C-alpha atoms as a PDB file:
ATOM      1  CA  MET A   1       0.559   0.000  -0.329  1.00  0.00           C
ATOM      2  CA  LYS A   2       1.480   3.687  -0.739  1.00  0.00           C
ATOM      3  CA  MET A   3       1.579   6.013   1.228  1.00  0.00           C
ATOM      4  CA  ARG A   4      -1.230   9.162  -0.291  1.00  0.00           C
ATOM      5  CA  VAL A   5      -0.721  12.123   1.345  1.00  0.00           C
ATOM      6  CA  HIS A   6       1.708  14.096  -1.030  1.00  0.00           C
ATOM      7  CA  LEU A   7      -0.187  16.742  -3.198  1.00  0.00           C
ATOM      8  CA  LEU A   8      -3.356  15.969  -2.950  1.00  0.00           C
ATOM      9  CA  CYS A   9      -4.074  15.743   0.582  1.00  0.00           C
ATOM     10  CA  ARG A  10      -1.962  18.970   0.568  1.00  0.00           C
ATOM     11  CA  LEU A  11      -4.275  20.937  -1.241  1.00  0.00           C
ATOM     12  CA  LEU A  12      -6.738  19.632  -0.660  1.00  0.00           C
ATOM     13  CA  LEU A  13      -7.282  20.225   3.163  1.00  0.00           C
ATOM     14  CA  SER A  14      -5.457  23.339   2.355  1.00  0.00           C
ATOM     15  CA  GLY A  15      -8.538  24.832   0.449  1.00  0.00           C
ATOM     16  CA  ILE A  16     -10.683  23.322   3.897  1.00  0.00           C
ATOM     17  CA  ALA A  17      -9.323  24.490   6.236  1.00  0.00           C
ATOM     18  CA  ALA A  18      -9.270  28.137   4.318  1.00  0.00           C
ATOM     19  CA  SER A  19     -12.936  27.458   3.893  1.00  0.00           C
ATOM     20  CA  PHE A  20     -13.581  27.474   7.620  1.00  0.00           C
ATOM     21  CA  LEU A  21     -11.012  29.141   9.956  1.00  0.00           C
ATOM     22  CA  VAL A  22      -8.455  26.534  10.588  1.00  0.00           C
ATOM     23  CA  PRO A  23      -4.713  27.251   9.791  1.00  0.00           C
ATOM     24  CA  ALA A  24      -4.070  25.875   6.622  1.00  0.00           C
ATOM     25  CA  PRO A  25      -2.851  22.400   7.679  1.00  0.00           C
ATOM     26  CA  ALA A  26       1.358  21.925   7.402  1.00  0.00           C
ATOM     27  CA  ALA A  27       1.147  17.988   5.694  1.00  0.00           C
ATOM     28  CA  ALA A  28       4.106  15.788   8.301  1.00  0.00           C
ATOM     29  CA  SER A  29       5.362  19.107   8.240  1.00  0.00           C
ATOM     30  CA  SER A  30       7.396  18.495  11.540  1.00  0.00           C
ATOM     31  CA  PRO A  31       9.903  15.124  12.145  1.00  0.00           C
ATOM     32  CA  GLU A  32       7.060  13.302  14.744  1.00  0.00           C
ATOM     33  CA  LEU A  33       4.706  13.329  11.943  1.00  0.00           C
ATOM     34  CA  ILE A  34       6.766  12.285   9.289  1.00  0.00           C
ATOM     35  CA  GLY A  35       7.654   9.678  11.643  1.00  0.00           C
ATOM     36  CA  LEU A  36       4.166   9.028  11.721  1.00  0.00           C
ATOM     37  CA  GLU A  37       3.275   8.974   8.453  1.00  0.00           C
ATOM     38  CA  HIS A  38       5.766   6.196   8.066  1.00  0.00           C
ATOM     39  CA  GLU A  39       4.817   3.719  10.659  1.00  0.00           C
ATOM     40  CA  LEU A  40       1.234   4.215  10.511  1.00  0.00           C
ATOM     41  CA  ASN A  41       1.688   2.827   7.020  1.00  0.00           C
ATOM     42  CA  MET A  42       4.025   0.651   7.563  1.00  0.00           C
ATOM     43  CA  LEU A  43       1.526  -0.852  10.124  1.00  0.00           C
ATOM     44  CA  VAL A  44      -1.329  -1.375   7.227  1.00  0.00           C
ATOM     45  CA  ALA A  45       1.138  -2.281   5.048  1.00  0.00           C
ATOM     46  CA  ALA A  46       1.675  -5.069   6.977  1.00  0.00           C
ATOM     47  CA  ARG A  47      -2.016  -6.146   7.031  1.00  0.00           C
ATOM     48  CA  PRO A  48      -4.586  -8.092   4.881  1.00  0.00           C
ATOM     49  CA  GLY A  49      -7.118  -5.483   3.635  1.00  0.00           C
ATOM     50  CA  GLU A  50      -6.881  -2.030   2.659  1.00  0.00           C
ATOM     51  CA  TYR A  51      -7.196   1.223   5.005  1.00  0.00           C
ATOM     52  CA  GLY A  52      -8.103   4.569   5.077  1.00  0.00           C
ATOM     53  CA  ILE A  53      -6.310   7.265   7.666  1.00  0.00           C
ATOM     54  CA  ALA A  54      -6.184  10.216   8.046  1.00  0.00           C
ATOM     55  CA  ALA A  55      -5.207  11.896  11.292  1.00  0.00           C
ATOM     56  CA  LEU A  56      -5.707  16.164  11.279  1.00  0.00           C
ATOM     57  CA  ASP A  57      -4.526  18.113  14.903  1.00  0.00           C
ATOM     58  CA  LEU A  58      -7.304  21.437  15.143  1.00  0.00           C
ATOM     59  CA  ARG A  59      -4.515  23.693  16.784  1.00  0.00           C
ATOM     60  CA  ASP A  60      -2.425  24.143  14.127  1.00  0.00           C
ATOM     61  CA  GLY A  61      -3.863  21.955  11.142  1.00  0.00           C
ATOM     62  CA  SER A  62      -1.141  19.791   9.941  1.00  0.00           C
ATOM     63  CA  ILE A  63      -2.448  16.211   8.754  1.00  0.00           C
ATOM     64  CA  VAL A  64      -1.146  12.725   8.752  1.00  0.00           C
ATOM     65  CA  ALA A  65      -2.962  10.690   5.833  1.00  0.00           C
ATOM     66  CA  VAL A  66      -2.366   7.548   4.614  1.00  0.00           C
ATOM     67  CA  ASN A  67      -4.561   5.833   1.539  1.00  0.00           C
ATOM     68  CA  GLY A  68      -5.716  10.279   2.455  1.00  0.00           C
ATOM     69  CA  GLY A  69      -8.180  10.821  -1.269  1.00  0.00           C
ATOM     70  CA  ILE A  70      -9.062   6.977  -1.651  1.00  0.00           C
ATOM     71  CA  SER A  71     -12.983   6.831  -1.341  1.00  0.00           C
ATOM     72  CA  PHE A  72     -14.677   4.020   1.747  1.00  0.00           C
ATOM     73  CA  PRO A  73     -17.583   3.285   2.475  1.00  0.00           C
ATOM     74  CA  MET A  74     -19.051   5.176   5.201  1.00  0.00           C
ATOM     75  CA  ALA A  75     -21.307   2.908   6.478  1.00  0.00           C
ATOM     76  CA  SER A  76     -22.216   4.675   9.807  1.00  0.00           C
ATOM     77  CA  THR A  77     -20.063   7.284  10.559  1.00  0.00           C
ATOM     78  CA  VAL A  78     -22.279   9.003   8.096  1.00  0.00           C
ATOM     79  CA  LYS A  79     -24.385   9.286  10.861  1.00  0.00           C
ATOM     80  CA  LEU A  80     -22.378  11.976  11.730  1.00  0.00           C
ATOM     81  CA  ALA A  81     -24.046  14.039   8.486  1.00  0.00           C
ATOM     82  CA  ILE A  82     -27.458  13.373   9.236  1.00  0.00           C
ATOM     83  CA  ALA A  83     -27.104  14.581  12.373  1.00  0.00           C
ATOM     84  CA  ALA A  84     -25.060  17.741  11.492  1.00  0.00           C
ATOM     85  CA  THR A  85     -27.962  18.698   9.682  1.00  0.00           C
ATOM     86  CA  TYR A  86     -30.431  18.069  12.071  1.00  0.00           C
ATOM     87  CA  LEU A  87     -29.092  20.220  14.269  1.00  0.00           C
ATOM     88  CA  ALA A  88     -28.502  22.717  11.608  1.00  0.00           C
ATOM     89  CA  GLU A  89     -32.033  23.193  11.724  1.00  0.00           C
ATOM     90  CA  VAL A  90     -32.698  23.185  14.640  1.00  0.00           C
ATOM     91  CA  ASP A  91     -29.732  26.519  15.242  1.00  0.00           C
ATOM     92  CA  GLN A  92     -32.452  28.317  12.663  1.00  0.00           C
ATOM     93  CA  ARG A  93     -35.577  27.548  14.380  1.00  0.00           C
ATOM     94  CA  GLN A  94     -36.418  25.205  12.135  1.00  0.00           C
ATOM     95  CA  ARG A  95     -36.711  21.956  13.693  1.00  0.00           C
ATOM     96  CA  SER A  96     -36.576  21.678  17.531  1.00  0.00           C
ATOM     97  CA  LEU A  97     -34.949  18.749  19.900  1.00  0.00           C
ATOM     98  CA  ASP A  98     -38.499  18.210  21.078  1.00  0.00           C
ATOM     99  CA  GLU A  99     -40.084  17.575  18.182  1.00  0.00           C
ATOM    100  CA  LEU A 100     -41.783  14.560  17.657  1.00  0.00           C
ATOM    101  CA  ILE A 101     -40.864  12.667  15.071  1.00  0.00           C
ATOM    102  CA  SER A 102     -42.915   9.118  14.521  1.00  0.00           C
ATOM    103  CA  GLY A 103     -43.696   9.738  19.138  1.00  0.00           C
ATOM    104  CA  ARG A 104     -39.885   9.609  19.838  1.00  0.00           C
ATOM    105  CA  SER A 105     -38.556  13.403  20.598  1.00  0.00           C
ATOM    106  CA  ALA A 106     -36.049  14.682  17.876  1.00  0.00           C
ATOM    107  CA  ALA A 107     -33.092  14.679  20.856  1.00  0.00           C
ATOM    108  CA  LYS A 108     -33.625  10.394  21.843  1.00  0.00           C
ATOM    109  CA  LEU A 109     -33.583   9.165  17.806  1.00  0.00           C
ATOM    110  CA  LEU A 110     -30.299  11.485  17.756  1.00  0.00           C
ATOM    111  CA  GLU A 111     -28.871   9.516  20.734  1.00  0.00           C
ATOM    112  CA  LEU A 112     -29.900   6.305  19.705  1.00  0.00           C
ATOM    113  CA  MET A 113     -28.687   6.951  16.452  1.00  0.00           C
ATOM    114  CA  ILE A 114     -25.627   8.493  18.007  1.00  0.00           C
ATOM    115  CA  VAL A 115     -25.081   6.251  20.573  1.00  0.00           C
ATOM    116  CA  ARG A 116     -26.457   2.747  19.072  1.00  0.00           C
ATOM    117  CA  SER A 117     -26.136   2.487  15.894  1.00  0.00           C
ATOM    118  CA  ASP A 118     -29.803   2.662  15.885  1.00  0.00           C
ATOM    119  CA  ASN A 119     -30.600   2.426  11.816  1.00  0.00           C
ATOM    120  CA  TYR A 120     -34.309   2.748  12.097  1.00  0.00           C
ATOM    121  CA  ALA A 121     -33.685   6.396  14.221  1.00  0.00           C
ATOM    122  CA  THR A 122     -31.638   7.725  11.890  1.00  0.00           C
ATOM    123  CA  ASP A 123     -34.115   6.784   9.211  1.00  0.00           C
ATOM    124  CA  GLN A 124     -36.475   9.179  10.984  1.00  0.00           C
ATOM    125  CA  LEU A 125     -34.015  11.641  10.908  1.00  0.00           C
ATOM    126  CA  LEU A 126     -33.182  11.453   7.935  1.00  0.00           C
ATOM    127  CA  ALA A 127     -37.211  11.838   6.441  1.00  0.00           C
ATOM    128  CA  ALA A 128     -37.263  14.332   8.997  1.00  0.00           C
ATOM    129  CA  VAL A 129     -34.479  16.620   7.298  1.00  0.00           C
ATOM    130  CA  GLY A 130     -35.561  15.577   3.603  1.00  0.00           C
ATOM    131  CA  GLY A 131     -33.405  12.530   2.516  1.00  0.00           C
ATOM    132  CA  PRO A 132     -29.544  12.322   1.733  1.00  0.00           C
ATOM    133  CA  GLY A 133     -30.368  14.734  -0.616  1.00  0.00           C
ATOM    134  CA  ALA A 134     -30.664  17.061   1.627  1.00  0.00           C
ATOM    135  CA  VAL A 135     -28.219  16.442   3.766  1.00  0.00           C
ATOM    136  CA  GLN A 136     -25.807  16.575   0.755  1.00  0.00           C
ATOM    137  CA  GLN A 137     -26.942  19.787   0.250  1.00  0.00           C
ATOM    138  CA  TRP A 138     -26.165  20.621   3.594  1.00  0.00           C
ATOM    139  CA  LEU A 139     -22.565  19.192   3.255  1.00  0.00           C
ATOM    140  CA  SER A 140     -22.464  20.877  -0.607  1.00  0.00           C
ATOM    141  CA  SER A 141     -23.254  24.289   1.342  1.00  0.00           C
ATOM    142  CA  ARG A 142     -20.308  23.881   3.458  1.00  0.00           C
ATOM    143  CA  ASN A 143     -18.000  23.397   0.857  1.00  0.00           C
ATOM    144  CA  ILE A 144     -17.305  19.750   2.337  1.00  0.00           C
ATOM    145  CA  THR A 145     -16.375  18.343  -0.129  1.00  0.00           C
ATOM    146  CA  GLY A 146     -14.745  13.819  -0.968  1.00  0.00           C
ATOM    147  CA  MET A 147     -18.038  12.554   0.617  1.00  0.00           C
ATOM    148  CA  ARG A 148     -21.808  11.493  -0.971  1.00  0.00           C
ATOM    149  CA  VAL A 149     -25.170  10.735   0.619  1.00  0.00           C
ATOM    150  CA  ASP A 150     -27.662   8.766  -1.685  1.00  0.00           C
ATOM    151  CA  ARG A 151     -29.034   6.621   0.600  1.00  0.00           C
ATOM    152  CA  THR A 152     -31.181   5.777   3.150  1.00  0.00           C
ATOM    153  CA  ILE A 153     -29.990   2.721   5.746  1.00  0.00           C
ATOM    154  CA  ALA A 154     -32.858   0.789   4.734  1.00  0.00           C
ATOM    155  CA  GLN A 155     -31.559   1.038   1.002  1.00  0.00           C
ATOM    156  CA  LEU A 156     -28.198   1.101   1.797  1.00  0.00           C
ATOM    157  CA  LEU A 157     -28.697  -2.498   3.567  1.00  0.00           C
ATOM    158  CA  ARG A 158     -30.925  -3.618   1.459  1.00  0.00           C
ATOM    159  CA  GLU A 159     -28.615  -2.621  -1.942  1.00  0.00           C
ATOM    160  CA  ARG A 160     -26.095  -4.632   0.337  1.00  0.00           C
ATOM    161  CA  GLY A 161     -22.820  -1.797   0.211  1.00  0.00           C
ATOM    162  CA  HIS A 162     -20.106  -3.932  -1.133  1.00  0.00           C
ATOM    163  CA  LEU A 163     -16.299  -2.800  -1.444  1.00  0.00           C
ATOM    164  CA  ALA A 164     -15.905  -1.450  -4.508  1.00  0.00           C
ATOM    165  CA  ASP A 165     -19.749   0.506  -3.458  1.00  0.00           C
ATOM    166  CA  SER A 166     -19.619   4.890  -5.188  1.00  0.00           C
ATOM    167  CA  LYS A 167     -21.939   5.530  -3.038  1.00  0.00           C
ATOM    168  CA  ASP A 168     -22.097   6.786   0.334  1.00  0.00           C
ATOM    169  CA  VAL A 169     -18.418   7.102   0.322  1.00  0.00           C
ATOM    170  CA  ALA A 170     -15.844   9.345   1.557  1.00  0.00           C
ATOM    171  CA  THR A 171     -12.299   9.717   1.202  1.00  0.00           C
ATOM    172  CA  PRO A 172     -10.804  10.085   5.100  1.00  0.00           C
ATOM    173  CA  VAL A 173      -9.098  13.414   5.002  1.00  0.00           C
ATOM    174  CA  ALA A 174     -12.879  14.767   3.516  1.00  0.00           C
ATOM    175  CA  MET A 175     -13.653  12.855   6.874  1.00  0.00           C
ATOM    176  CA  VAL A 176     -11.976  15.085   9.253  1.00  0.00           C
ATOM    177  CA  ALA A 177     -12.897  18.314   7.430  1.00  0.00           C
ATOM    178  CA  LEU A 178     -16.439  17.208   8.601  1.00  0.00           C
ATOM    179  CA  LEU A 179     -15.003  16.761  12.132  1.00  0.00           C
ATOM    180  CA  SER A 180     -13.260  19.826  11.413  1.00  0.00           C
ATOM    181  CA  ARG A 181     -16.319  21.353  11.307  1.00  0.00           C
ATOM    182  CA  LEU A 182     -17.804  20.091  13.468  1.00  0.00           C
ATOM    183  CA  ASP A 183     -16.101  21.326  16.552  1.00  0.00           C
ATOM    184  CA  SER A 184     -14.885  24.941  15.031  1.00  0.00           C
ATOM    185  CA  GLY A 185     -18.186  26.426  15.758  1.00  0.00           C
ATOM    186  CA  THR A 186     -18.677  27.376  12.526  1.00  0.00           C
ATOM    187  CA  VAL A 187     -21.526  25.017  10.831  1.00  0.00           C
ATOM    188  CA  LEU A 188     -23.021  24.779  14.367  1.00  0.00           C
ATOM    189  CA  THR A 189     -23.877  26.082  17.630  1.00  0.00           C
ATOM    190  CA  ALA A 190     -22.008  25.581  21.211  1.00  0.00           C
ATOM    191  CA  GLN A 191     -25.426  23.833  22.530  1.00  0.00           C
ATOM    192  CA  SER A 192     -26.060  21.755  19.536  1.00  0.00           C
ATOM    193  CA  ARG A 193     -21.864  20.609  19.358  1.00  0.00           C
ATOM    194  CA  ALA A 194     -21.876  20.143  23.359  1.00  0.00           C
ATOM    195  CA  PHE A 195     -25.061  17.936  22.949  1.00  0.00           C
ATOM    196  CA  LEU A 196     -23.214  16.095  19.631  1.00  0.00           C
ATOM    197  CA  PHE A 197     -19.778  15.752  21.209  1.00  0.00           C
ATOM    198  CA  GLU A 198     -21.577  14.435  24.993  1.00  0.00           C
ATOM    199  CA  LEU A 199     -23.758  11.853  22.318  1.00  0.00           C
ATOM    200  CA  MET A 200     -20.328  10.835  20.432  1.00  0.00           C
ATOM    201  CA  ARG A 201     -18.754  10.333  24.178  1.00  0.00           C
ATOM    202  CA  ARG A 202     -21.574   8.181  25.877  1.00  0.00           C
ATOM    203  CA  CYS A 203     -21.100   5.647  21.831  1.00  0.00           C
ATOM    204  CA  GLN A 204     -21.167   1.873  22.830  1.00  0.00           C
ATOM    205  CA  THR A 205     -20.536   0.258  19.250  1.00  0.00           C
ATOM    206  CA  GLY A 206     -16.644   1.302  19.460  1.00  0.00           C
ATOM    207  CA  THR A 207     -14.816  -0.025  22.682  1.00  0.00           C
ATOM    208  CA  ARG A 208     -12.810  -2.182  20.459  1.00  0.00           C
ATOM    209  CA  ARG A 209     -12.080   0.085  17.931  1.00  0.00           C
ATOM    210  CA  ILE A 210     -10.416   3.552  17.964  1.00  0.00           C
ATOM    211  CA  ARG A 211     -10.734   3.991  22.150  1.00  0.00           C
ATOM    212  CA  ALA A 212      -9.267   0.575  22.365  1.00  0.00           C
ATOM    213  CA  LEU A 213      -5.332   1.127  23.401  1.00  0.00           C
ATOM    214  CA  LEU A 214      -5.728   4.431  24.301  1.00  0.00           C
ATOM    215  CA  PRO A 215      -4.711   5.542  28.237  1.00  0.00           C
ATOM    216  CA  ALA A 216      -7.486   5.113  30.672  1.00  0.00           C
ATOM    217  CA  GLY A 217      -9.605   8.302  31.043  1.00  0.00           C
ATOM    218  CA  THR A 218      -8.869   9.366  27.396  1.00  0.00           C
ATOM    219  CA  LEU A 219     -11.662  11.683  25.838  1.00  0.00           C
ATOM    220  CA  VAL A 220     -12.492  10.166  23.089  1.00  0.00           C
ATOM    221  CA  GLU A 221     -15.555  10.882  21.116  1.00  0.00           C
ATOM    222  CA  ASP A 222     -16.430   9.007  18.357  1.00  0.00           C
ATOM    223  CA  LYS A 223     -19.199   6.755  15.234  1.00  0.00           C
ATOM    224  CA  THR A 224     -18.303   3.544  13.816  1.00  0.00           C
ATOM    225  CA  GLY A 225     -19.639   2.435  11.057  1.00  0.00           C
ATOM    226  CA  THR A 226     -19.872  -0.956  10.194  1.00  0.00           C
ATOM    227  CA  LEU A 227     -20.762  -3.461   6.780  1.00  0.00           C
ATOM    228  CA  ASP A 228     -19.777  -6.719   5.067  1.00  0.00           C
ATOM    229  CA  GLY A 229     -16.467  -6.275   4.802  1.00  0.00           C
ATOM    230  CA  ILE A 230     -16.127  -2.903   6.670  1.00  0.00           C
ATOM    231  CA  THR A 231     -14.866  -1.162   9.744  1.00  0.00           C
ATOM    232  CA  ASN A 232     -14.614   2.176  10.203  1.00  0.00           C
ATOM    233  CA  ASP A 233     -14.131   3.988  13.324  1.00  0.00           C
ATOM    234  CA  VAL A 234     -14.138   8.585  13.514  1.00  0.00           C
ATOM    235  CA  GLY A 235     -13.815  11.151  16.266  1.00  0.00           C
ATOM    236  CA  PHE A 236     -11.769  13.129  18.290  1.00  0.00           C
ATOM    237  CA  ILE A 237      -9.005  12.147  20.546  1.00  0.00           C
ATOM    238  CA  THR A 238      -8.261  14.472  23.555  1.00  0.00           C
ATOM    239  CA  MET A 239      -3.663  14.433  23.927  1.00  0.00           C
ATOM    240  CA  PRO A 240      -3.352  14.871  27.640  1.00  0.00           C
ATOM    241  CA  ASP A 241      -2.294  18.680  26.555  1.00  0.00           C
ATOM    242  CA  GLY A 242      -6.023  19.215  25.722  1.00  0.00           C
ATOM    243  CA  ARG A 243      -5.173  19.412  22.173  1.00  0.00           C
ATOM    244  CA  ARG A 244      -7.967  17.414  20.075  1.00  0.00           C
ATOM    245  CA  VAL A 245      -7.074  15.269  17.237  1.00  0.00           C
ATOM    246  CA  ALA A 246      -9.631  14.252  14.741  1.00  0.00           C
ATOM    247  CA  VAL A 247      -9.167  11.012  13.632  1.00  0.00           C
ATOM    248  CA  ALA A 248     -10.504   8.983  10.679  1.00  0.00           C
ATOM    249  CA  VAL A 249      -9.990   4.948   9.895  1.00  0.00           C
ATOM    250  CA  PHE A 250     -11.483   3.362   7.442  1.00  0.00           C
ATOM    251  CA  ALA A 251     -10.917  -0.490   6.665  1.00  0.00           C
ATOM    252  CA  ARG A 252     -12.157  -2.812   4.050  1.00  0.00           C
ATOM    253  CA  GLY A 253     -11.194  -6.314   3.096  1.00  0.00           C
ATOM    254  CA  GLY A 254      -8.614  -8.273   4.996  1.00  0.00           C
ATOM    255  CA  ARG A 255      -9.690  -9.689   8.609  1.00  0.00           C
ATOM    256  CA  ASP A 256      -9.395  -8.495  12.491  1.00  0.00           C
ATOM    257  CA  ARG A 257      -9.682  -4.748  11.113  1.00  0.00           C
ATOM    258  CA  GLN A 258     -11.033  -3.871  14.500  1.00  0.00           C
ATOM    259  CA  PRO A 259      -7.637  -4.588  16.344  1.00  0.00           C
ATOM    260  CA  VAL A 260      -6.143  -2.623  13.590  1.00  0.00           C
ATOM    261  CA  ILE A 261      -7.944   0.222  13.980  1.00  0.00           C
ATOM    262  CA  ALA A 262      -6.744   0.241  17.959  1.00  0.00           C
ATOM    263  CA  GLU A 263      -3.781  -0.058  16.633  1.00  0.00           C
ATOM    264  CA  VAL A 264      -3.563   2.520  15.003  1.00  0.00           C
ATOM    265  CA  SER A 265      -4.793   5.188  16.888  1.00  0.00           C
ATOM    266  CA  ARG A 266      -2.671   4.045  19.957  1.00  0.00           C
ATOM    267  CA  VAL A 267       0.482   5.202  17.052  1.00  0.00           C
ATOM    268  CA  ILE A 268      -2.006   8.675  16.455  1.00  0.00           C
ATOM    269  CA  TYR A 269      -2.052   8.993  20.252  1.00  0.00           C
ATOM    270  CA  ASP A 270       1.577   8.683  20.864  1.00  0.00           C
ATOM    271  CA  ARG A 271       3.097  10.547  18.444  1.00  0.00           C
ATOM    272  CA  PHE A 272       0.810  13.477  18.774  1.00  0.00           C
ATOM    273  CA  ALA A 273       1.911  12.988  22.797  1.00  0.00           C
ATOM    274  CA  ASP A 274       5.515  12.863  22.331  1.00  0.00           C
ATOM    275  CA  SER A 275       5.548  15.744  19.745  1.00  0.00           C
ATOM    276  CA  THR A 276       4.276  17.926  22.806  1.00  0.00           C
ATOM    277  CA  ARG A 277       6.357  16.363  24.758  1.00  0.00           C
ATOM    278  CA  ASN A 278       9.089  17.320  23.042  1.00  0.00           C
ATOM    279  CA  ALA A 279       7.688  21.190  21.830  1.00  0.00           C
ATOM    280  CA  LEU A 280       7.828  21.433  26.065  1.00  0.00           C
ATOM    281  CA  ALA A 281      11.321  20.518  26.571  1.00  0.00           C
ATOM    282  CA  MET A 282      12.387  22.195  23.906  1.00  0.00           C
ATOM    283  CA  PHE A 283      10.389  25.453  25.810  1.00  0.00           C
ATOM    284  CA  MET A 284      11.531  25.038  28.898  1.00  0.00           C
ATOM    285  CA  ARG A 285      15.604  24.621  27.621  1.00  0.00           C
ATOM    286  CA  MET A 286      15.342  28.100  25.589  1.00  0.00           C
ATOM    287  CA  ARG A 287      14.371  30.199  28.899  1.00  0.00           C
END
């Protein structure tokens, strides 16, 4: 598997970053991040299947990626885009978290969708906002490219989305761009962000993925996605110094994908934590 971060990811992320007011990314500009790219590439190259990885430092915009510009089936990670579309309408006072949809409050449906990855709740919310096209329009209107939403979850399951599916896909770079937009305060109010991130903190479906090998007490806010041959996890990891890193790991084919996602996440955590420690040590020497 070849590293695909280079010019494609630099250009794509720099354009995306400019559009949502975060620092322009410095793709693998430091020795620590260059080392991280190499380590991630070696890790997944030794495993069967194909992996797409992106990790974006939300403080300075630096990014590392493996196959960052390749499209992967999103599976249930698309539910973050659906949640964002609904919450944006709440922010615009077009909807309410107390609104009843098929007998349940929107707040409860959002909880079921994000915490338990409930597909029926997802399709109820999706219908309420106007279907897949409305979510795609929301993404496009926020200049989030490299991600497409085509079907309801029921349609996706009926059609048995496959490993090479061209519908309902995203690149790892696009997914961390969405995560960054959600974190930045440019697409959701502070109240809606807090509500969504609290649900992501309570995610019950990803205990063996991003969270599995991180140090006890590490704050993780994530959303998983799973189909036949597809295992994904995307979200935020908070470093010991409070820095947040947006992470997307997509996997298809092969086997034992969950342990690999856990290993990838621990490598990302360790390298970003090391860069913080190294910067602090340098600062102390310069005093």
